[in-house]
Amino acid sequence: MANHETTAEIERVVGNFFRPRQNIVIPNVSWGLSVHECDLFVLTKNGYGIEVEIKISKADLIKDKTKTHGHNNIKIKKLFFAIPEKLNIPETIAHIPERAGIIVVDKNGRCKIIKAATVRADATKMDDSKKTVLFRLGYLRYWDRHCNDSRVAPSLDDGLGI
């Protein structure tokens, strides 16, 4: 049975919660979109961005409050914090920004929104050029995580003719 209290496992179940067959869900977006680092970036089928910040400890939540960007970007329509069930207590929840929605992941890997996110009314849709960048980031994440074979040295002269 998976441990649904690790960052990687929460990322997996929350990513699936956002229906990746309907929305584009990319982990660890940190460049290319002119936004701050996002643990999960969701591009909805309507073209809006959703940020999911994953936290697995109270200390991590407290540290997050020191980030200068404050999870504030016009390209993000909704902000969610995803936490394991053990953090779903008032003294921990108090460290989550008021405008953020809260997703709790239980010990069986089920997600539940216990607080809705405030919708940013002036959020902008992602244009096609930024969507292309996001798709490329998703492609890179896939290869980095699932297909990285360090035994194969990269070469510009590989005979592929590309």
N, C-alpha and C. Protein backbone atom coordinates (compact mmCIF):
# COMPACT_ATOMS: atom_id res chain seq x y z
N MET A 1 0.84 -1.18 0.00
CA MET A 1 0.00 0.00 0.00
C MET A 1 0.88 1.24 0.00
N ALA A 2 0.53 2.20 -0.82
CA ALA A 2 1.31 3.44 -0.93
C ALA A 2 1.14 4.30 0.31
N ASN A 3 2.19 5.04 0.62
CA ASN A 3 2.15 6.00 1.71
C ASN A 3 1.64 7.32 1.14
N HIS A 4 0.43 7.71 1.49
CA HIS A 4 -0.19 8.90 0.93
C HIS A 4 0.18 10.15 1.72
N GLU A 5 1.33 10.11 2.37
CA GLU A 5 1.81 11.27 3.12
C GLU A 5 3.10 11.83 2.53
N THR A 6 3.60 11.24 1.45
CA THR A 6 4.81 11.75 0.81
C THR A 6 4.42 12.74 -0.29
N THR A 7 5.35 13.63 -0.58
CA THR A 7 5.09 14.61 -1.63
C THR A 7 4.79 13.92 -2.96
N ALA A 8 5.58 12.92 -3.31
CA ALA A 8 5.39 12.23 -4.59
C ALA A 8 4.03 11.55 -4.67
N GLU A 9 3.59 10.94 -3.60
CA GLU A 9 2.31 10.24 -3.62
C GLU A 9 1.15 11.23 -3.64
N ILE A 10 1.26 12.31 -2.88
CA ILE A 10 0.22 13.33 -2.91
C ILE A 10 0.16 13.96 -4.31
N GLU A 11 1.31 14.20 -4.89
CA GLU A 11 1.35 14.74 -6.26
C GLU A 11 0.61 13.81 -7.22
N ARG A 12 0.84 12.51 -7.09
CA ARG A 12 0.20 11.54 -7.98
C ARG A 12 -1.32 11.53 -7.82
N VAL A 13 -1.80 11.43 -6.58
CA VAL A 13 -3.24 11.31 -6.39
C VAL A 13 -3.97 12.63 -6.66
N VAL A 14 -3.35 13.75 -6.31
CA VAL A 14 -3.98 15.04 -6.58
C VAL A 14 -3.95 15.32 -8.09
N GLY A 15 -2.86 14.94 -8.75
CA GLY A 15 -2.82 15.08 -10.20
C GLY A 15 -3.96 14.33 -10.86
N ASN A 16 -4.23 13.12 -10.42
CA ASN A 16 -5.34 12.34 -10.95
C ASN A 16 -6.69 12.94 -10.58
N PHE A 17 -6.77 13.55 -9.41
CA PHE A 17 -7.99 14.20 -8.95
C PHE A 17 -8.42 15.31 -9.91
N PHE A 18 -7.45 15.97 -10.52
CA PHE A 18 -7.75 17.06 -11.46
C PHE A 18 -8.01 16.56 -12.88
N ARG A 19 -8.25 15.28 -13.04
CA ARG A 19 -8.68 14.67 -14.30
C ARG A 19 -7.76 15.00 -15.48
N PRO A 20 -6.59 14.37 -15.51
CA PRO A 20 -5.63 14.68 -16.58
C PRO A 20 -6.11 14.32 -17.99
N ARG A 21 -7.20 13.62 -18.13
CA ARG A 21 -7.74 13.37 -19.47
C ARG A 21 -8.59 14.55 -19.95
N GLN A 22 -8.97 15.43 -19.01
CA GLN A 22 -9.75 16.62 -19.36
C GLN A 22 -8.93 17.90 -19.25
N ASN A 23 -7.98 17.91 -18.32
CA ASN A 23 -7.14 19.08 -18.06
C ASN A 23 -5.68 18.68 -18.23
N ILE A 24 -4.83 19.65 -18.45
CA ILE A 24 -3.39 19.39 -18.53
C ILE A 24 -2.83 19.57 -17.12
N VAL A 25 -2.20 18.53 -16.59
CA VAL A 25 -1.66 18.57 -15.22
C VAL A 25 -0.16 18.31 -15.31
N ILE A 26 0.64 19.32 -14.92
CA ILE A 26 2.09 19.23 -15.03
C ILE A 26 2.72 19.45 -13.65
N PRO A 27 3.57 18.53 -13.21
CA PRO A 27 4.25 18.73 -11.92
C PRO A 27 5.47 19.64 -12.05
N ASN A 28 5.79 20.31 -10.98
CA ASN A 28 7.04 21.08 -10.84
C ASN A 28 7.29 22.07 -11.97
N VAL A 29 6.33 22.92 -12.21
CA VAL A 29 6.50 23.97 -13.20
C VAL A 29 7.27 25.11 -12.52
N SER A 30 8.44 25.41 -13.06
CA SER A 30 9.26 26.44 -12.41
C SER A 30 9.87 27.43 -13.39
N TRP A 31 9.65 27.26 -14.67
CA TRP A 31 10.20 28.20 -15.65
C TRP A 31 9.34 28.14 -16.90
N GLY A 32 9.45 29.18 -17.70
CA GLY A 32 8.82 29.19 -19.00
C GLY A 32 7.45 29.83 -19.07
N LEU A 33 6.76 29.97 -17.93
CA LEU A 33 5.40 30.52 -17.97
C LEU A 33 5.30 31.89 -17.31
N SER A 34 6.41 32.41 -16.83
CA SER A 34 6.41 33.67 -16.07
C SER A 34 5.54 33.58 -14.82
N VAL A 35 5.59 32.42 -14.19
CA VAL A 35 4.95 32.23 -12.89
C VAL A 35 6.01 31.69 -11.94
N HIS A 36 5.72 31.75 -10.66
CA HIS A 36 6.61 31.18 -9.66
C HIS A 36 6.56 29.65 -9.74
N GLU A 37 7.40 28.99 -8.99
CA GLU A 37 7.42 27.52 -8.98
C GLU A 37 6.09 27.01 -8.45
N CYS A 38 5.50 26.06 -9.18
CA CYS A 38 4.23 25.43 -8.78
C CYS A 38 4.46 23.93 -8.64
N ASP A 39 4.05 23.36 -7.51
CA ASP A 39 4.19 21.92 -7.34
C ASP A 39 3.38 21.17 -8.40
N LEU A 40 2.17 21.61 -8.62
CA LEU A 40 1.35 21.12 -9.73
C LEU A 40 0.73 22.33 -10.41
N PHE A 41 0.78 22.36 -11.72
CA PHE A 41 0.10 23.40 -12.49
C PHE A 41 -0.95 22.70 -13.33
N VAL A 42 -2.20 23.13 -13.19
CA VAL A 42 -3.30 22.55 -13.94
C VAL A 42 -3.79 23.60 -14.93
N LEU A 43 -3.82 23.23 -16.20
CA LEU A 43 -4.41 24.07 -17.22
C LEU A 43 -5.77 23.48 -17.53
N THR A 44 -6.82 24.22 -17.20
CA THR A 44 -8.17 23.70 -17.42
C THR A 44 -8.50 23.70 -18.90
N LYS A 45 -9.51 22.94 -19.26
CA LYS A 45 -9.91 22.90 -20.67
C LYS A 45 -10.41 24.26 -21.14
N ASN A 46 -10.74 25.17 -20.21
CA ASN A 46 -11.15 26.52 -20.56
C ASN A 46 -9.97 27.48 -20.67
N GLY A 47 -8.73 26.98 -20.41
CA GLY A 47 -7.53 27.78 -20.61
C GLY A 47 -7.04 28.55 -19.40
N TYR A 48 -7.58 28.26 -18.22
CA TYR A 48 -7.14 28.94 -17.01
C TYR A 48 -6.18 28.07 -16.20
N GLY A 49 -5.32 28.74 -15.43
CA GLY A 49 -4.35 28.03 -14.60
C GLY A 49 -4.83 27.84 -13.17
N ILE A 50 -4.51 26.69 -12.63
CA ILE A 50 -4.75 26.38 -11.22
C ILE A 50 -3.41 25.93 -10.65
N GLU A 51 -3.05 26.50 -9.51
CA GLU A 51 -1.83 26.07 -8.82
C GLU A 51 -2.21 25.18 -7.65
N VAL A 52 -1.45 24.10 -7.48
CA VAL A 52 -1.59 23.25 -6.30
C VAL A 52 -0.25 23.23 -5.59
N GLU A 53 -0.25 23.68 -4.36
CA GLU A 53 0.94 23.66 -3.51
C GLU A 53 0.81 22.46 -2.59
N ILE A 54 1.80 21.58 -2.60
CA ILE A 54 1.76 20.35 -1.79
C ILE A 54 2.59 20.56 -0.53
N LYS A 55 1.98 20.29 0.60
CA LYS A 55 2.67 20.43 1.89
C LYS A 55 2.46 19.16 2.71
N ILE A 56 3.56 18.67 3.30
CA ILE A 56 3.46 17.42 4.06
C ILE A 56 3.77 17.60 5.54
N SER A 57 4.08 18.84 5.95
CA SER A 57 4.34 19.09 7.37
C SER A 57 3.91 20.50 7.74
N LYS A 58 3.67 20.70 9.02
CA LYS A 58 3.33 22.04 9.52
C LYS A 58 4.50 22.99 9.28
N ALA A 59 5.71 22.52 9.50
CA ALA A 59 6.90 23.35 9.28
C ALA A 59 6.97 23.82 7.83
N ASP A 60 6.63 22.94 6.90
CA ASP A 60 6.63 23.28 5.48
C ASP A 60 5.60 24.37 5.19
N LEU A 61 4.43 24.29 5.83
CA LEU A 61 3.41 25.32 5.67
C LEU A 61 3.88 26.66 6.20
N ILE A 62 4.50 26.65 7.36
CA ILE A 62 4.99 27.89 7.97
C ILE A 62 6.08 28.51 7.09
N LYS A 63 6.98 27.68 6.59
CA LYS A 63 8.06 28.17 5.71
C LYS A 63 7.49 28.78 4.44
N ASP A 64 6.40 28.23 3.95
CA ASP A 64 5.80 28.71 2.71
C ASP A 64 5.37 30.18 2.83
N LYS A 65 5.03 30.60 4.01
CA LYS A 65 4.57 31.98 4.21
C LYS A 65 5.68 33.00 3.97
N THR A 66 6.93 32.55 3.91
CA THR A 66 8.05 33.47 3.67
C THR A 66 8.33 33.69 2.18
N LYS A 67 7.66 32.95 1.32
CA LYS A 67 7.86 33.12 -0.13
C LYS A 67 7.40 34.51 -0.55
N THR A 68 8.25 35.20 -1.27
CA THR A 68 7.94 36.58 -1.65
C THR A 68 6.79 36.69 -2.66
N HIS A 69 6.59 35.67 -3.48
CA HIS A 69 5.53 35.75 -4.49
C HIS A 69 4.14 35.58 -3.90
N GLY A 70 4.04 34.96 -2.73
CA GLY A 70 2.75 34.79 -2.09
C GLY A 70 1.73 34.01 -2.90
N HIS A 71 2.20 33.20 -3.85
CA HIS A 71 1.31 32.43 -4.73
C HIS A 71 0.33 33.35 -5.44
N ASN A 72 0.83 34.49 -5.84
CA ASN A 72 -0.01 35.50 -6.47
C ASN A 72 0.48 35.77 -7.89
N ASN A 73 -0.33 35.38 -8.87
CA ASN A 73 0.03 35.60 -10.26
C ASN A 73 -1.26 35.67 -11.08
N ILE A 74 -1.34 36.61 -11.98
CA ILE A 74 -2.55 36.81 -12.77
C ILE A 74 -2.87 35.61 -13.67
N LYS A 75 -1.90 34.73 -13.89
CA LYS A 75 -2.12 33.55 -14.72
C LYS A 75 -2.74 32.39 -13.93
N ILE A 76 -2.92 32.60 -12.63
CA ILE A 76 -3.47 31.54 -11.77
C ILE A 76 -4.85 31.97 -11.27
N LYS A 77 -5.87 31.24 -11.70
CA LYS A 77 -7.25 31.57 -11.34
C LYS A 77 -7.62 31.05 -9.96
N LYS A 78 -7.06 29.89 -9.59
CA LYS A 78 -7.35 29.30 -8.28
C LYS A 78 -6.07 28.73 -7.69
N LEU A 79 -5.98 28.80 -6.38
CA LEU A 79 -4.86 28.24 -5.63
C LEU A 79 -5.40 27.22 -4.64
N PHE A 80 -4.79 26.05 -4.63
CA PHE A 80 -5.13 25.01 -3.66
C PHE A 80 -3.87 24.59 -2.91
N PHE A 81 -4.05 24.24 -1.67
CA PHE A 81 -3.01 23.56 -0.90
C PHE A 81 -3.49 22.13 -0.71
N ALA A 82 -2.63 21.17 -1.04
CA ALA A 82 -2.93 19.75 -0.84
C ALA A 82 -2.11 19.25 0.34
N ILE A 83 -2.80 18.63 1.28
CA ILE A 83 -2.15 18.17 2.51
C ILE A 83 -2.59 16.76 2.86
N PRO A 84 -1.74 16.01 3.56
CA PRO A 84 -2.19 14.70 4.04
C PRO A 84 -3.19 14.88 5.17
N GLU A 85 -3.98 13.86 5.38
CA GLU A 85 -5.04 13.89 6.39
C GLU A 85 -4.55 14.29 7.78
N LYS A 86 -3.33 13.88 8.13
CA LYS A 86 -2.81 14.17 9.47
C LYS A 86 -2.65 15.67 9.73
N LEU A 87 -2.58 16.49 8.67
CA LEU A 87 -2.44 17.94 8.83
C LEU A 87 -3.78 18.66 8.87
N ASN A 88 -4.86 17.94 8.72
CA ASN A 88 -6.19 18.55 8.70
C ASN A 88 -6.65 18.85 10.13
N ILE A 89 -5.93 19.76 10.76
CA ILE A 89 -6.26 20.20 12.12
C ILE A 89 -6.20 21.73 12.14
N PRO A 90 -7.00 22.39 12.99
CA PRO A 90 -7.07 23.85 12.96
C PRO A 90 -5.73 24.57 13.08
N GLU A 91 -4.84 24.11 13.95
CA GLU A 91 -3.58 24.82 14.12
C GLU A 91 -2.65 24.70 12.92
N THR A 92 -2.88 23.74 12.06
CA THR A 92 -2.12 23.62 10.82
C THR A 92 -2.80 24.38 9.69
N ILE A 93 -4.09 24.22 9.57
CA ILE A 93 -4.88 24.88 8.53
C ILE A 93 -4.73 26.40 8.64
N ALA A 94 -4.51 26.91 9.82
CA ALA A 94 -4.37 28.36 10.04
C ALA A 94 -3.20 28.97 9.26
N HIS A 95 -2.26 28.15 8.83
CA HIS A 95 -1.09 28.65 8.10
C HIS A 95 -1.30 28.68 6.58
N ILE A 96 -2.46 28.26 6.13
CA ILE A 96 -2.77 28.26 4.70
C ILE A 96 -3.44 29.59 4.36
N PRO A 97 -3.03 30.23 3.25
CA PRO A 97 -3.63 31.53 2.89
C PRO A 97 -5.15 31.44 2.81
N GLU A 98 -5.80 32.49 3.24
CA GLU A 98 -7.27 32.54 3.29
C GLU A 98 -7.91 32.27 1.93
N ARG A 99 -7.31 32.76 0.85
CA ARG A 99 -7.90 32.61 -0.48
C ARG A 99 -7.71 31.21 -1.07
N ALA A 100 -6.85 30.42 -0.44
CA ALA A 100 -6.53 29.09 -1.00
C ALA A 100 -7.60 28.07 -0.64
N GLY A 101 -7.88 27.20 -1.60
CA GLY A 101 -8.69 26.04 -1.31
C GLY A 101 -7.81 24.99 -0.64
N ILE A 102 -8.45 24.03 0.01
CA ILE A 102 -7.69 22.97 0.70
C ILE A 102 -8.19 21.61 0.23
N ILE A 103 -7.23 20.79 -0.20
CA ILE A 103 -7.51 19.41 -0.60
C ILE A 103 -6.82 18.51 0.42
N VAL A 104 -7.59 17.62 1.02
CA VAL A 104 -7.04 16.67 1.98
C VAL A 104 -6.96 15.30 1.30
N VAL A 105 -5.79 14.66 1.44
CA VAL A 105 -5.58 13.32 0.91
C VAL A 105 -5.63 12.35 2.08
N ASP A 106 -6.58 11.42 2.05
CA ASP A 106 -6.70 10.48 3.17
C ASP A 106 -5.73 9.30 3.02
N LYS A 107 -5.70 8.44 4.00
CA LYS A 107 -4.74 7.33 4.03
C LYS A 107 -4.96 6.33 2.89
N ASN A 108 -6.15 6.37 2.26
CA ASN A 108 -6.44 5.49 1.13
C ASN A 108 -6.19 6.16 -0.22
N GLY A 109 -5.67 7.39 -0.18
CA GLY A 109 -5.36 8.09 -1.41
C GLY A 109 -6.55 8.80 -2.04
N ARG A 110 -7.60 9.00 -1.28
CA ARG A 110 -8.75 9.73 -1.79
C ARG A 110 -8.59 11.22 -1.47
N CYS A 111 -8.99 12.04 -2.42
CA CYS A 111 -8.90 13.50 -2.26
C CYS A 111 -10.28 14.06 -1.96
N LYS A 112 -10.28 15.06 -1.09
CA LYS A 112 -11.53 15.75 -0.77
C LYS A 112 -11.22 17.23 -0.60
N ILE A 113 -11.99 18.05 -1.31
CA ILE A 113 -11.86 19.49 -1.12
C ILE A 113 -12.65 19.85 0.13
N ILE A 114 -11.93 20.32 1.15
CA ILE A 114 -12.61 20.69 2.40
C ILE A 114 -12.85 22.21 2.46
N LYS A 115 -12.22 22.93 1.55
CA LYS A 115 -12.43 24.37 1.45
C LYS A 115 -12.24 24.77 -0.01
N ALA A 116 -13.21 25.47 -0.54
CA ALA A 116 -13.13 25.93 -1.93
C ALA A 116 -12.12 27.06 -2.06
N ALA A 117 -11.50 27.15 -3.21
CA ALA A 117 -10.57 28.23 -3.49
C ALA A 117 -11.33 29.47 -3.94
N THR A 118 -10.81 30.62 -3.57
CA THR A 118 -11.35 31.88 -4.07
C THR A 118 -10.95 32.02 -5.53
N VAL A 119 -11.88 32.39 -6.37
CA VAL A 119 -11.60 32.56 -7.79
C VAL A 119 -11.05 33.97 -8.01
N ARG A 120 -9.92 34.03 -8.69
CA ARG A 120 -9.33 35.33 -9.04
C ARG A 120 -10.06 35.85 -10.27
N ALA A 121 -10.83 36.90 -10.09
CA ALA A 121 -11.69 37.42 -11.16
C ALA A 121 -10.90 37.98 -12.34
N ASP A 122 -9.70 38.51 -12.09
CA ASP A 122 -8.93 39.11 -13.17
C ASP A 122 -7.90 38.15 -13.78
N ALA A 123 -8.03 36.87 -13.49
CA ALA A 123 -7.09 35.88 -14.05
C ALA A 123 -7.21 35.87 -15.57
N THR A 124 -6.07 35.68 -16.22
CA THR A 124 -6.05 35.66 -17.68
C THR A 124 -5.93 34.23 -18.19
N LYS A 125 -6.53 34.00 -19.35
CA LYS A 125 -6.39 32.70 -20.01
C LYS A 125 -4.98 32.59 -20.58
N MET A 126 -4.52 31.36 -20.67
CA MET A 126 -3.19 31.12 -21.23
C MET A 126 -3.27 31.18 -22.76
N ASP A 127 -2.36 31.95 -23.35
CA ASP A 127 -2.34 32.04 -24.81
C ASP A 127 -1.64 30.81 -25.40
N ASP A 128 -1.77 30.66 -26.71
CA ASP A 128 -1.24 29.47 -27.39
C ASP A 128 0.27 29.30 -27.22
N SER A 129 1.01 30.40 -27.22
CA SER A 129 2.47 30.27 -27.09
C SER A 129 2.83 29.73 -25.70
N LYS A 130 2.12 30.17 -24.67
CA LYS A 130 2.40 29.67 -23.32
C LYS A 130 1.91 28.22 -23.17
N LYS A 131 0.83 27.87 -23.84
CA LYS A 131 0.37 26.48 -23.82
C LYS A 131 1.44 25.56 -24.42
N THR A 132 2.06 26.02 -25.51
CA THR A 132 3.13 25.24 -26.13
C THR A 132 4.28 25.02 -25.16
N VAL A 133 4.65 26.07 -24.42
CA VAL A 133 5.70 25.95 -23.41
C VAL A 133 5.28 24.94 -22.33
N LEU A 134 4.03 25.03 -21.88
CA LEU A 134 3.55 24.12 -20.85
C LEU A 134 3.58 22.67 -21.35
N PHE A 135 3.16 22.44 -22.58
CA PHE A 135 3.18 21.09 -23.13
C PHE A 135 4.61 20.56 -23.20
N ARG A 136 5.53 21.42 -23.55
CA ARG A 136 6.95 21.02 -23.59
C ARG A 136 7.45 20.67 -22.19
N LEU A 137 7.06 21.47 -21.20
CA LEU A 137 7.46 21.17 -19.82
C LEU A 137 6.91 19.81 -19.39
N GLY A 138 5.67 19.54 -19.75
CA GLY A 138 5.07 18.24 -19.42
C GLY A 138 5.82 17.10 -20.08
N TYR A 139 6.19 17.29 -21.32
CA TYR A 139 6.98 16.31 -22.06
C TYR A 139 8.31 16.06 -21.36
N LEU A 140 8.99 17.15 -20.97
CA LEU A 140 10.28 17.01 -20.27
C LEU A 140 10.11 16.31 -18.93
N ARG A 141 9.05 16.63 -18.20
CA ARG A 141 8.81 15.96 -16.91
C ARG A 141 8.63 14.45 -17.10
N TYR A 142 7.88 14.10 -18.13
CA TYR A 142 7.67 12.68 -18.42
C TYR A 142 9.01 11.97 -18.62
N TRP A 143 9.85 12.50 -19.50
CA TRP A 143 11.12 11.86 -19.81
C TRP A 143 12.07 11.89 -18.62
N ASP A 144 12.05 12.99 -17.88
CA ASP A 144 12.91 13.07 -16.69
C ASP A 144 12.54 12.02 -15.65
N ARG A 145 11.27 11.78 -15.46
CA ARG A 145 10.81 10.90 -14.39
C ARG A 145 10.70 9.44 -14.78
N HIS A 146 10.39 9.18 -16.03
CA HIS A 146 10.05 7.80 -16.40
C HIS A 146 10.97 7.15 -17.40
N CYS A 147 11.70 7.93 -18.14
CA CYS A 147 12.47 7.33 -19.23
C CYS A 147 13.92 7.76 -19.24
N ASN A 148 14.41 8.31 -18.18
CA ASN A 148 15.78 8.80 -18.16
C ASN A 148 16.73 7.61 -18.01
N ASP A 149 17.48 7.33 -19.04
CA ASP A 149 18.43 6.22 -19.02
C ASP A 149 19.83 6.81 -19.07
N SER A 150 20.49 6.85 -17.94
CA SER A 150 21.80 7.49 -17.86
C SER A 150 22.87 6.70 -18.63
N ARG A 151 22.55 5.50 -19.09
CA ARG A 151 23.52 4.71 -19.85
C ARG A 151 23.65 5.21 -21.28
N VAL A 152 22.68 6.01 -21.74
CA VAL A 152 22.71 6.51 -23.10
C VAL A 152 23.21 7.95 -23.06
N ALA A 153 24.38 8.17 -23.61
CA ALA A 153 24.96 9.52 -23.63
C ALA A 153 24.33 10.33 -24.74
N PRO A 154 23.92 11.58 -24.45
CA PRO A 154 23.36 12.41 -25.52
C PRO A 154 24.42 12.76 -26.55
N SER A 155 23.99 12.84 -27.78
CA SER A 155 24.93 13.15 -28.86
C SER A 155 24.21 13.95 -29.93
N LEU A 156 24.87 14.99 -30.41
CA LEU A 156 24.28 15.76 -31.52
C LEU A 156 24.45 15.01 -32.84
N ASP A 157 25.41 14.10 -32.91
CA ASP A 157 25.65 13.32 -34.11
C ASP A 157 25.20 11.89 -33.86
N ASP A 158 23.90 11.71 -33.73
CA ASP A 158 23.36 10.39 -33.39
C ASP A 158 22.85 9.60 -34.58
N GLY A 159 22.97 10.19 -35.78
CA GLY A 159 22.53 9.48 -36.98
C GLY A 159 21.04 9.62 -37.25
N LEU A 160 20.31 10.35 -36.42
CA LEU A 160 18.89 10.50 -36.65
C LEU A 160 18.57 11.52 -37.74
N GLY A 161 19.53 12.38 -38.01
CA GLY A 161 19.33 13.37 -39.05
C GLY A 161 18.37 14.49 -38.64
N ILE A 162 18.26 14.72 -37.34
CA ILE A 162 17.37 15.82 -36.89
C ILE A 162 18.16 16.89 -36.15
